[in-house]
Amino acid sequence: QSGWLNRMLEVVGINGPNWILSETWVYPALMFMGFWGI
């Protein structure tokens, strides 16, 4: 609802998913966290 990523997607007309509460999108969310430490 209030995440920066979904708000940036709204600017270009995309409704972002509920990253953490979605069985599909939770894995990309965890990958984003992992990319932070490469």
PDB file of all heavy atoms in Angstrom:
ATOM      1  N   GLN A   1       0.801  -1.212   0.000  1.00  0.00           N
ATOM      2  CA  GLN A   1       0.000   0.000   0.000  1.00  0.00           C
ATOM      3  C   GLN A   1       0.846   1.280   0.000  1.00  0.00           C
ATOM      4  O   GLN A   1       0.563   2.215  -0.740  1.00  0.00           O
ATOM      5  CB  GLN A   1      -0.931   0.023   1.220  1.00  0.00           C
ATOM      6  CG  GLN A   1      -2.111  -0.921   1.141  1.00  0.00           C
ATOM      7  CD  GLN A   1      -1.725  -2.378   1.265  1.00  0.00           C
ATOM      8  OE1 GLN A   1      -0.838  -2.727   2.060  1.00  0.00           O
ATOM      9  NE2 GLN A   1      -2.377  -3.233   0.497  1.00  0.00           N
ATOM     10  N   SER A   2       1.877   1.303   0.823  1.00  0.00           N
ATOM     11  CA  SER A   2       2.643   2.549   0.982  1.00  0.00           C
ATOM     12  C   SER A   2       4.098   2.429   0.536  1.00  0.00           C
ATOM     13  O   SER A   2       4.869   3.355   0.750  1.00  0.00           O
ATOM     14  CB  SER A   2       2.610   2.970   2.462  1.00  0.00           C
ATOM     15  OG  SER A   2       3.176   1.949   3.279  1.00  0.00           O
ATOM     16  N   GLY A   3       4.468   1.327  -0.072  1.00  0.00           N
ATOM     17  CA  GLY A   3       5.862   1.140  -0.465  1.00  0.00           C
ATOM     18  C   GLY A   3       6.287   2.053  -1.598  1.00  0.00           C
ATOM     19  O   GLY A   3       5.502   2.397  -2.476  1.00  0.00           O
ATOM     20  N   TRP A   4       7.548   2.443  -1.568  1.00  0.00           N
ATOM     21  CA  TRP A   4       8.071   3.341  -2.596  1.00  0.00           C
ATOM     22  C   TRP A   4       8.031   2.703  -3.983  1.00  0.00           C
ATOM     23  O   TRP A   4       7.763   3.383  -4.976  1.00  0.00           O
ATOM     24  CB  TRP A   4       9.514   3.726  -2.265  1.00  0.00           C
ATOM     25  CG  TRP A   4       9.683   4.425  -0.958  1.00  0.00           C
ATOM     26  CD1 TRP A   4       8.694   4.973  -0.185  1.00  0.00           C
ATOM     27  CD2 TRP A   4      10.906   4.656  -0.261  1.00  0.00           C
ATOM     28  NE1 TRP A   4       9.219   5.524   0.945  1.00  0.00           N
ATOM     29  CE2 TRP A   4      10.586   5.344   0.937  1.00  0.00           C
ATOM     30  CE3 TRP A   4      12.236   4.346  -0.515  1.00  0.00           C
ATOM     31  CZ2 TRP A   4      11.549   5.722   1.858  1.00  0.00           C
ATOM     32  CZ3 TRP A   4      13.200   4.728   0.399  1.00  0.00           C
ATOM     33  CH2 TRP A   4      12.862   5.401   1.568  1.00  0.00           C
ATOM     34  N   LEU A   5       8.297   1.395  -4.057  1.00  0.00           N
ATOM     35  CA  LEU A   5       8.366   0.737  -5.359  1.00  0.00           C
ATOM     36  C   LEU A   5       7.012   0.789  -6.069  1.00  0.00           C
ATOM     37  O   LEU A   5       6.923   1.120  -7.261  1.00  0.00           O
ATOM     38  CB  LEU A   5       8.830  -0.702  -5.196  1.00  0.00           C
ATOM     39  CG  LEU A   5       9.034  -1.506  -6.487  1.00  0.00           C
ATOM     40  CD1 LEU A   5      10.011  -0.798  -7.423  1.00  0.00           C
ATOM     41  CD2 LEU A   5       9.520  -2.901  -6.178  1.00  0.00           C
ATOM     42  N   ASN A   6       5.934   0.476  -5.352  1.00  0.00           N
ATOM     43  CA  ASN A   6       4.612   0.517  -5.965  1.00  0.00           C
ATOM     44  C   ASN A   6       4.192   1.938  -6.309  1.00  0.00           C
ATOM     45  O   ASN A   6       3.493   2.169  -7.305  1.00  0.00           O
ATOM     46  CB  ASN A   6       3.579  -0.118  -5.028  1.00  0.00           C
ATOM     47  CG  ASN A   6       3.597  -1.631  -5.106  1.00  0.00           C
ATOM     48  OD1 ASN A   6       4.398  -2.205  -5.844  1.00  0.00           O
ATOM     49  ND2 ASN A   6       2.729  -2.274  -4.358  1.00  0.00           N
ATOM     50  N   ARG A   7       4.618   2.900  -5.495  1.00  0.00           N
ATOM     51  CA  ARG A   7       4.286   4.291  -5.821  1.00  0.00           C
ATOM     52  C   ARG A   7       5.001   4.749  -7.079  1.00  0.00           C
ATOM     53  O   ARG A   7       4.440   5.503  -7.884  1.00  0.00           O
ATOM     54  CB  ARG A   7       4.653   5.193  -4.649  1.00  0.00           C
ATOM     55  CG  ARG A   7       3.757   4.983  -3.429  1.00  0.00           C
ATOM     56  CD  ARG A   7       3.866   6.115  -2.441  1.00  0.00           C
ATOM     57  NE  ARG A   7       2.898   5.968  -1.362  1.00  0.00           N
ATOM     58  CZ  ARG A   7       2.679   6.897  -0.434  1.00  0.00           C
ATOM     59  NH1 ARG A   7       3.364   8.034  -0.474  1.00  0.00           N
ATOM     60  NH2 ARG A   7       1.775   6.710   0.508  1.00  0.00           N
ATOM     61  N   MET A   8       6.222   4.290  -7.284  1.00  0.00           N
ATOM     62  CA  MET A   8       6.930   4.630  -8.521  1.00  0.00           C
ATOM     63  C   MET A   8       6.281   3.945  -9.713  1.00  0.00           C
ATOM     64  O   MET A   8       6.227   4.508 -10.815  1.00  0.00           O
ATOM     65  CB  MET A   8       8.403   4.242  -8.399  1.00  0.00           C
ATOM     66  CG  MET A   8       9.210   5.141  -7.473  1.00  0.00           C
ATOM     67  SD  MET A   8      10.993   4.815  -7.521  1.00  0.00           S
ATOM     68  CE  MET A   8      11.046   3.181  -6.782  1.00  0.00           C
ATOM     69  N   LEU A   9       5.777   2.713  -9.518  1.00  0.00           N
ATOM     70  CA  LEU A   9       5.088   2.034 -10.603  1.00  0.00           C
ATOM     71  C   LEU A   9       3.781   2.727 -10.955  1.00  0.00           C
ATOM     72  O   LEU A   9       3.365   2.746 -12.129  1.00  0.00           O
ATOM     73  CB  LEU A   9       4.825   0.571 -10.220  1.00  0.00           C
ATOM     74  CG  LEU A   9       6.052  -0.339 -10.095  1.00  0.00           C
ATOM     75  CD1 LEU A   9       5.648  -1.718  -9.599  1.00  0.00           C
ATOM     76  CD2 LEU A   9       6.793  -0.447 -11.423  1.00  0.00           C
ATOM     77  N   GLU A  10       3.107   3.309  -9.963  1.00  0.00           N
ATOM     78  CA  GLU A  10       1.869   4.034 -10.227  1.00  0.00           C
ATOM     79  C   GLU A  10       2.100   5.249 -11.117  1.00  0.00           C
ATOM     80  O   GLU A  10       1.223   5.638 -11.888  1.00  0.00           O
ATOM     81  CB  GLU A  10       1.226   4.473  -8.909  1.00  0.00           C
ATOM     82  CG  GLU A  10       0.644   3.327  -8.096  1.00  0.00           C
ATOM     83  CD  GLU A  10       0.091   3.796  -6.759  1.00  0.00           C
ATOM     84  OE1 GLU A  10       0.178   5.023  -6.499  1.00  0.00           O
ATOM     85  OE2 GLU A  10      -0.412   2.958  -5.999  1.00  0.00           O
ATOM     86  N   VAL A  11       3.277   5.838 -11.028  1.00  0.00           N
ATOM     87  CA  VAL A  11       3.585   7.009 -11.847  1.00  0.00           C
ATOM     88  C   VAL A  11       3.528   6.664 -13.333  1.00  0.00           C
ATOM     89  O   VAL A  11       3.110   7.479 -14.166  1.00  0.00           O
ATOM     90  CB  VAL A  11       4.974   7.572 -11.472  1.00  0.00           C
ATOM     91  CG1 VAL A  11       5.371   8.713 -12.410  1.00  0.00           C
ATOM     92  CG2 VAL A  11       4.964   8.063 -10.029  1.00  0.00           C
ATOM     93  N   VAL A  12       3.936   5.439 -13.676  1.00  0.00           N
ATOM     94  CA  VAL A  12       3.924   5.020 -15.084  1.00  0.00           C
ATOM     95  C   VAL A  12       2.689   4.190 -15.412  1.00  0.00           C
ATOM     96  O   VAL A  12       2.637   3.520 -16.444  1.00  0.00           O
ATOM     97  CB  VAL A  12       5.201   4.218 -15.408  1.00  0.00           C
ATOM     98  CG1 VAL A  12       6.423   5.097 -15.298  1.00  0.00           C
ATOM     99  CG2 VAL A  12       5.340   2.996 -14.497  1.00  0.00           C
ATOM    100  N   GLY A  13       1.695   4.207 -14.515  1.00  0.00           N
ATOM    101  CA  GLY A  13       0.424   3.560 -14.789  1.00  0.00           C
ATOM    102  C   GLY A  13       0.370   2.078 -14.504  1.00  0.00           C
ATOM    103  O   GLY A  13      -0.474   1.366 -15.059  1.00  0.00           O
ATOM    104  N   ILE A  14       1.254   1.566 -13.651  1.00  0.00           N
ATOM    105  CA  ILE A  14       1.275   0.144 -13.313  1.00  0.00           C
ATOM    106  C   ILE A  14       0.854  -0.038 -11.860  1.00  0.00           C
ATOM    107  O   ILE A  14       1.371   0.638 -10.970  1.00  0.00           O
ATOM    108  CB  ILE A  14       2.675  -0.459 -13.535  1.00  0.00           C
ATOM    109  CG1 ILE A  14       3.104  -0.308 -14.993  1.00  0.00           C
ATOM    110  CG2 ILE A  14       2.700  -1.932 -13.114  1.00  0.00           C
ATOM    111  CD1 ILE A  14       4.512  -0.797 -15.266  1.00  0.00           C
ATOM    112  N   ASN A  15      -0.094  -0.939 -11.638  1.00  0.00           N
ATOM    113  CA  ASN A  15      -0.511  -1.272 -10.274  1.00  0.00           C
ATOM    114  C   ASN A  15       0.405  -2.361  -9.730  1.00  0.00           C
ATOM    115  O   ASN A  15       0.347  -3.513 -10.169  1.00  0.00           O
ATOM    116  CB  ASN A  15      -1.963  -1.739 -10.252  1.00  0.00           C
ATOM    117  CG  ASN A  15      -2.937  -0.630 -10.612  1.00  0.00           C
ATOM    118  OD1 ASN A  15      -2.719   0.530 -10.244  1.00  0.00           O
ATOM    119  ND2 ASN A  15      -4.009  -0.969 -11.320  1.00  0.00           N
ATOM    120  N   GLY A  16       1.246  -1.987  -8.809  1.00  0.00           N
ATOM    121  CA  GLY A  16       2.210  -2.932  -8.273  1.00  0.00           C
ATOM    122  C   GLY A  16       1.556  -4.015  -7.434  1.00  0.00           C
ATOM    123  O   GLY A  16       0.497  -3.799  -6.828  1.00  0.00           O
ATOM    124  N   PRO A  17       2.154  -5.188  -7.366  1.00  0.00           N
ATOM    125  CA  PRO A  17       1.584  -6.285  -6.571  1.00  0.00           C
ATOM    126  C   PRO A  17       1.856  -6.092  -5.085  1.00  0.00           C
ATOM    127  O   PRO A  17       2.626  -5.230  -4.679  1.00  0.00           O
ATOM    128  CB  PRO A  17       2.330  -7.511  -7.109  1.00  0.00           C
ATOM    129  CG  PRO A  17       3.660  -6.968  -7.529  1.00  0.00           C
ATOM    130  CD  PRO A  17       3.401  -5.584  -8.042  1.00  0.00           C
ATOM    131  N   ASN A  18       1.217  -6.916  -4.301  1.00  0.00           N
ATOM    132  CA  ASN A  18       1.483  -6.934  -2.862  1.00  0.00           C
ATOM    133  C   ASN A  18       2.666  -7.887  -2.647  1.00  0.00           C
ATOM    134  O   ASN A  18       2.488  -9.076  -2.419  1.00  0.00           O
ATOM    135  CB  ASN A  18       0.255  -7.406  -2.088  1.00  0.00           C
ATOM    136  CG  ASN A  18       0.336  -7.032  -0.625  1.00  0.00           C
ATOM    137  OD1 ASN A  18       1.421  -6.823  -0.087  1.00  0.00           O
ATOM    138  ND2 ASN A  18      -0.817  -6.931   0.023  1.00  0.00           N
ATOM    139  N   TRP A  19       3.869  -7.344  -2.741  1.00  0.00           N
ATOM    140  CA  TRP A  19       5.075  -8.145  -2.838  1.00  0.00           C
ATOM    141  C   TRP A  19       5.200  -9.159  -1.709  1.00  0.00           C
ATOM    142  O   TRP A  19       5.469 -10.344  -1.953  1.00  0.00           O
ATOM    143  CB  TRP A  19       6.301  -7.222  -2.835  1.00  0.00           C
ATOM    144  CG  TRP A  19       6.348  -6.263  -3.962  1.00  0.00           C
ATOM    145  CD1 TRP A  19       5.815  -5.010  -3.996  1.00  0.00           C
ATOM    146  CD2 TRP A  19       6.943  -6.480  -5.245  1.00  0.00           C
ATOM    147  NE1 TRP A  19       6.038  -4.419  -5.213  1.00  0.00           N
ATOM    148  CE2 TRP A  19       6.742  -5.299  -6.005  1.00  0.00           C
ATOM    149  CE3 TRP A  19       7.637  -7.534  -5.825  1.00  0.00           C
ATOM    150  CZ2 TRP A  19       7.208  -5.158  -7.308  1.00  0.00           C
ATOM    151  CZ3 TRP A  19       8.106  -7.399  -7.123  1.00  0.00           C
ATOM    152  CH2 TRP A  19       7.886  -6.231  -7.851  1.00  0.00           C
ATOM    153  N   ILE A  20       5.025  -8.719  -0.497  1.00  0.00           N
ATOM    154  CA  ILE A  20       5.317  -9.579   0.652  1.00  0.00           C
ATOM    155  C   ILE A  20       4.200 -10.575   0.922  1.00  0.00           C
ATOM    156  O   ILE A  20       4.447 -11.680   1.429  1.00  0.00           O
ATOM    157  CB  ILE A  20       5.586  -8.704   1.898  1.00  0.00           C
ATOM    158  CG1 ILE A  20       6.809  -7.811   1.638  1.00  0.00           C
ATOM    159  CG2 ILE A  20       5.809  -9.550   3.137  1.00  0.00           C
ATOM    160  CD1 ILE A  20       7.102  -6.847   2.764  1.00  0.00           C
ATOM    161  N   LEU A  21       2.963 -10.237   0.585  1.00  0.00           N
ATOM    162  CA  LEU A  21       1.825 -11.101   0.899  1.00  0.00           C
ATOM    163  C   LEU A  21       1.365 -11.930  -0.290  1.00  0.00           C
ATOM    164  O   LEU A  21       0.316 -12.562  -0.222  1.00  0.00           O
ATOM    165  CB  LEU A  21       0.661 -10.258   1.416  1.00  0.00           C
ATOM    166  CG  LEU A  21       0.934  -9.478   2.714  1.00  0.00           C
ATOM    167  CD1 LEU A  21      -0.292  -8.681   3.126  1.00  0.00           C
ATOM    168  CD2 LEU A  21       1.364 -10.421   3.828  1.00  0.00           C
ATOM    169  N   SER A  22       2.131 -11.935  -1.372  1.00  0.00           N
ATOM    170  CA  SER A  22       1.781 -12.717  -2.551  1.00  0.00           C
ATOM    171  C   SER A  22       2.694 -13.937  -2.639  1.00  0.00           C
ATOM    172  O   SER A  22       3.916 -13.820  -2.535  1.00  0.00           O
ATOM    173  CB  SER A  22       1.925 -11.856  -3.812  1.00  0.00           C
ATOM    174  OG  SER A  22       1.815 -12.649  -4.978  1.00  0.00           O
ATOM    175  N   GLU A  23       2.088 -15.099  -2.867  1.00  0.00           N
ATOM    176  CA  GLU A  23       2.884 -16.317  -2.983  1.00  0.00           C
ATOM    177  C   GLU A  23       3.793 -16.286  -4.209  1.00  0.00           C
ATOM    178  O   GLU A  23       4.828 -16.957  -4.237  1.00  0.00           O
ATOM    179  CB  GLU A  23       1.960 -17.536  -3.075  1.00  0.00           C
ATOM    180  CG  GLU A  23       1.140 -17.784  -1.824  1.00  0.00           C
ATOM    181  CD  GLU A  23       0.309 -19.047  -1.938  1.00  0.00           C
ATOM    182  OE1 GLU A  23       0.807 -20.037  -2.523  1.00  0.00           O
ATOM    183  OE2 GLU A  23      -0.843 -19.048  -1.471  1.00  0.00           O
ATOM    184  N   THR A  24       3.412 -15.514  -5.218  1.00  0.00           N
ATOM    185  CA  THR A  24       4.203 -15.431  -6.447  1.00  0.00           C
ATOM    186  C   THR A  24       5.299 -14.389  -6.342  1.00  0.00           C
ATOM    187  O   THR A  24       6.453 -14.634  -6.729  1.00  0.00           O
ATOM    188  CB  THR A  24       3.295 -15.100  -7.643  1.00  0.00           C
ATOM    189  OG1 THR A  24       2.286 -16.100  -7.759  1.00  0.00           O
ATOM    190  CG2 THR A  24       4.102 -15.023  -8.935  1.00  0.00           C
ATOM    191  N   TRP A  25       4.971 -13.225  -5.787  1.00  0.00           N
ATOM    192  CA  TRP A  25       5.900 -12.098  -5.802  1.00  0.00           C
ATOM    193  C   TRP A  25       6.806 -12.041  -4.587  1.00  0.00           C
ATOM    194  O   TRP A  25       7.701 -11.200  -4.522  1.00  0.00           O
ATOM    195  CB  TRP A  25       5.132 -10.783  -5.924  1.00  0.00           C
ATOM    196  CG  TRP A  25       4.491 -10.614  -7.261  1.00  0.00           C
ATOM    197  CD1 TRP A  25       3.184 -10.847  -7.574  1.00  0.00           C
ATOM    198  CD2 TRP A  25       5.130 -10.216  -8.472  1.00  0.00           C
ATOM    199  NE1 TRP A  25       2.964 -10.608  -8.912  1.00  0.00           N
ATOM    200  CE2 TRP A  25       4.139 -10.215  -9.485  1.00  0.00           C
ATOM    201  CE3 TRP A  25       6.436  -9.856  -8.795  1.00  0.00           C
ATOM    202  CZ2 TRP A  25       4.427  -9.868 -10.802  1.00  0.00           C
ATOM    203  CZ3 TRP A  25       6.719  -9.512 -10.101  1.00  0.00           C
ATOM    204  CH2 TRP A  25       5.735  -9.518 -11.096  1.00  0.00           C
ATOM    205  N   VAL A  26       6.594 -12.898  -3.613  1.00  0.00           N
ATOM    206  CA  VAL A  26       7.437 -12.856  -2.421  1.00  0.00           C
ATOM    207  C   VAL A  26       8.866 -13.280  -2.738  1.00  0.00           C
ATOM    208  O   VAL A  26       9.827 -12.791  -2.127  1.00  0.00           O
ATOM    209  CB  VAL A  26       6.842 -13.728  -1.296  1.00  0.00           C
ATOM    210  CG1 VAL A  26       6.916 -15.215  -1.653  1.00  0.00           C
ATOM    211  CG2 VAL A  26       7.539 -13.455   0.030  1.00  0.00           C
ATOM    212  N   TYR A  27       9.051 -14.155  -3.726  1.00  0.00           N
ATOM    213  CA  TYR A  27      10.400 -14.587  -4.078  1.00  0.00           C
ATOM    214  C   TYR A  27      11.187 -13.487  -4.786  1.00  0.00           C
ATOM    215  O   TYR A  27      12.366 -13.268  -4.463  1.00  0.00           O
ATOM    216  CB  TYR A  27      10.336 -15.853  -4.929  1.00  0.00           C
ATOM    217  CG  TYR A  27       9.671 -17.006  -4.221  1.00  0.00           C
ATOM    218  CD1 TYR A  27       8.462 -17.517  -4.668  1.00  0.00           C
ATOM    219  CD2 TYR A  27      10.235 -17.569  -3.086  1.00  0.00           C
ATOM    220  CE1 TYR A  27       7.835 -18.568  -4.011  1.00  0.00           C
ATOM    221  CE2 TYR A  27       9.630 -18.618  -2.425  1.00  0.00           C
ATOM    222  CZ  TYR A  27       8.425 -19.117  -2.895  1.00  0.00           C
ATOM    223  OH  TYR A  27       7.805 -20.139  -2.222  1.00  0.00           O
ATOM    224  N   PRO A  28      10.589 -12.758  -5.759  1.00  0.00           N
ATOM    225  CA  PRO A  28      11.310 -11.583  -6.260  1.00  0.00           C
ATOM    226  C   PRO A  28      11.618 -10.563  -5.177  1.00  0.00           C
ATOM    227  O   PRO A  28      12.669  -9.908  -5.217  1.00  0.00           O
ATOM    228  CB  PRO A  28      10.361 -11.008  -7.318  1.00  0.00           C
ATOM    229  CG  PRO A  28       9.565 -12.179  -7.777  1.00  0.00           C
ATOM    230  CD  PRO A  28       9.390 -13.038  -6.563  1.00  0.00           C
ATOM    231  N   ALA A  29      10.716 -10.419  -4.202  1.00  0.00           N
ATOM    232  CA  ALA A  29      10.976  -9.477  -3.104  1.00  0.00           C
ATOM    233  C   ALA A  29      12.207  -9.901  -2.307  1.00  0.00           C
ATOM    234  O   ALA A  29      13.068  -9.073  -1.968  1.00  0.00           O
ATOM    235  CB  ALA A  29       9.752  -9.395  -2.185  1.00  0.00           C
ATOM    236  N   LEU A  30      12.321 -11.192  -2.020  1.00  0.00           N
ATOM    237  CA  LEU A  30      13.493 -11.686  -1.306  1.00  0.00           C
ATOM    238  C   LEU A  30      14.754 -11.545  -2.151  1.00  0.00           C
ATOM    239  O   LEU A  30      15.845 -11.281  -1.622  1.00  0.00           O
ATOM    240  CB  LEU A  30      13.283 -13.148  -0.919  1.00  0.00           C
ATOM    241  CG  LEU A  30      12.226 -13.418   0.158  1.00  0.00           C
ATOM    242  CD1 LEU A  30      11.970 -14.917   0.291  1.00  0.00           C
ATOM    243  CD2 LEU A  30      12.657 -12.845   1.495  1.00  0.00           C
ATOM    244  N   MET A  31      14.613 -11.693  -3.450  1.00  0.00           N
ATOM    245  CA  MET A  31      15.774 -11.519  -4.324  1.00  0.00           C
ATOM    246  C   MET A  31      16.245 -10.071  -4.323  1.00  0.00           C
ATOM    247  O   MET A  31      17.450  -9.798  -4.330  1.00  0.00           O
ATOM    248  CB  MET A  31      15.422 -11.965  -5.743  1.00  0.00           C
ATOM    249  CG  MET A  31      15.282 -13.465  -5.901  1.00  0.00           C
ATOM    250  SD  MET A  31      14.712 -13.951  -7.546  1.00  0.00           S
ATOM    251  CE  MET A  31      15.963 -13.213  -8.568  1.00  0.00           C
ATOM    252  N   PHE A  32      15.296  -9.109  -4.320  1.00  0.00           N
ATOM    253  CA  PHE A  32      15.683  -7.705  -4.251  1.00  0.00           C
ATOM    254  C   PHE A  32      16.507  -7.439  -2.993  1.00  0.00           C
ATOM    255  O   PHE A  32      17.497  -6.705  -3.021  1.00  0.00           O
ATOM    256  CB  PHE A  32      14.450  -6.812  -4.268  1.00  0.00           C
ATOM    257  CG  PHE A  32      13.744  -6.769  -5.597  1.00  0.00           C
ATOM    258  CD1 PHE A  32      12.381  -6.563  -5.667  1.00  0.00           C
ATOM    259  CD2 PHE A  32      14.448  -6.950  -6.777  1.00  0.00           C
ATOM    260  CE1 PHE A  32      11.733  -6.527  -6.889  1.00  0.00           C
ATOM    261  CE2 PHE A  32      13.810  -6.922  -8.009  1.00  0.00           C
ATOM    262  CZ  PHE A  32      12.441  -6.710  -8.061  1.00  0.00           C
ATOM    263  N   MET A  33      16.093  -8.034  -1.885  1.00  0.00           N
ATOM    264  CA  MET A  33      16.845  -7.870  -0.639  1.00  0.00           C
ATOM    265  C   MET A  33      18.250  -8.457  -0.776  1.00  0.00           C
ATOM    266  O   MET A  33      19.222  -7.895  -0.267  1.00  0.00           O
ATOM    267  CB  MET A  33      16.108  -8.548   0.510  1.00  0.00           C
ATOM    268  CG  MET A  33      14.746  -7.983   0.802  1.00  0.00           C
ATOM    269  SD  MET A  33      13.938  -8.857   2.168  1.00  0.00           S
ATOM    270  CE  MET A  33      12.282  -8.183   2.056  1.00  0.00           C
ATOM    271  N   GLY A  34      18.349  -9.580  -1.474  1.00  0.00           N
ATOM    272  CA  GLY A  34      19.655 -10.210  -1.658  1.00  0.00           C
ATOM    273  C   GLY A  34      20.569  -9.407  -2.562  1.00  0.00           C
ATOM    274  O   GLY A  34      21.781  -9.342  -2.335  1.00  0.00           O
ATOM    275  N   PHE A  35      19.978  -8.755  -3.588  1.00  0.00           N
ATOM    276  CA  PHE A  35      20.791  -7.938  -4.491  1.00  0.00           C
ATOM    277  C   PHE A  35      21.457  -6.789  -3.759  1.00  0.00           C
ATOM    278  O   PHE A  35      22.489  -6.287  -4.192  1.00  0.00           O
ATOM    279  CB  PHE A  35      19.921  -7.388  -5.628  1.00  0.00           C
ATOM    280  CG  PHE A  35      19.376  -8.446  -6.540  1.00  0.00           C
ATOM    281  CD1 PHE A  35      18.257  -8.202  -7.319  1.00  0.00           C
ATOM    282  CD2 PHE A  35      19.981  -9.697  -6.620  1.00  0.00           C
ATOM    283  CE1 PHE A  35      17.750  -9.173  -8.161  1.00  0.00           C
ATOM    284  CE2 PHE A  35      19.473 -10.677  -7.453  1.00  0.00           C
ATOM    285  CZ  PHE A  35      18.357 -10.414  -8.225  1.00  0.00           C
ATOM    286  N   TRP A  36      20.856  -6.365  -2.661  1.00  0.00           N
ATOM    287  CA  TRP A  36      21.391  -5.233  -1.909  1.00  0.00           C
ATOM    288  C   TRP A  36      22.780  -5.526  -1.354  1.00  0.00           C
ATOM    289  O   TRP A  36      23.545  -4.611  -1.077  1.00  0.00           O
ATOM    290  CB  TRP A  36      20.425  -4.898  -0.773  1.00  0.00           C
ATOM    291  CG  TRP A  36      20.694  -3.624  -0.045  1.00  0.00           C
ATOM    292  CD1 TRP A  36      21.207  -3.496   1.216  1.00  0.00           C
ATOM    293  CD2 TRP A  36      20.457  -2.298  -0.506  1.00  0.00           C
ATOM    294  NE1 TRP A  36      21.292  -2.178   1.570  1.00  0.00           N
ATOM    295  CE2 TRP A  36      20.839  -1.410   0.520  1.00  0.00           C
ATOM    296  CE3 TRP A  36      19.968  -1.767  -1.694  1.00  0.00           C
ATOM    297  CZ2 TRP A  36      20.746  -0.036   0.395  1.00  0.00           C
ATOM    298  CZ3 TRP A  36      19.864  -0.394  -1.820  1.00  0.00           C
ATOM    299  CH2 TRP A  36      20.255   0.441  -0.787  1.00  0.00           C
ATOM    300  N   GLY A  37      23.118  -6.803  -1.199  1.00  0.00           N
ATOM    301  CA  GLY A  37      24.386  -7.148  -0.558  1.00  0.00           C
ATOM    302  C   GLY A  37      25.365  -7.881  -1.443  1.00  0.00           C
ATOM    303  O   GLY A  37      26.167  -8.682  -0.948  1.00  0.00           O
ATOM    304  N   ILE A  38      25.338  -7.632  -2.752  1.00  0.00           N
ATOM    305  CA  ILE A  38      26.232  -8.348  -3.660  1.00  0.00           C
ATOM    306  C   ILE A  38      27.550  -7.616  -3.852  1.00  0.00           C
ATOM    307  O   ILE A  38      28.346  -8.009  -4.715  1.00  0.00           O
ATOM    308  CB  ILE A  38      25.561  -8.568  -5.031  1.00  0.00           C
ATOM    309  CG1 ILE A  38      25.283  -7.217  -5.714  1.00  0.00           C
ATOM    310  CG2 ILE A  38      24.301  -9.385  -4.892  1.00  0.00           C
ATOM    311  CD1 ILE A  38      24.756  -7.378  -7.124  1.00  0.00           C
TER     312      ILE A  38
END
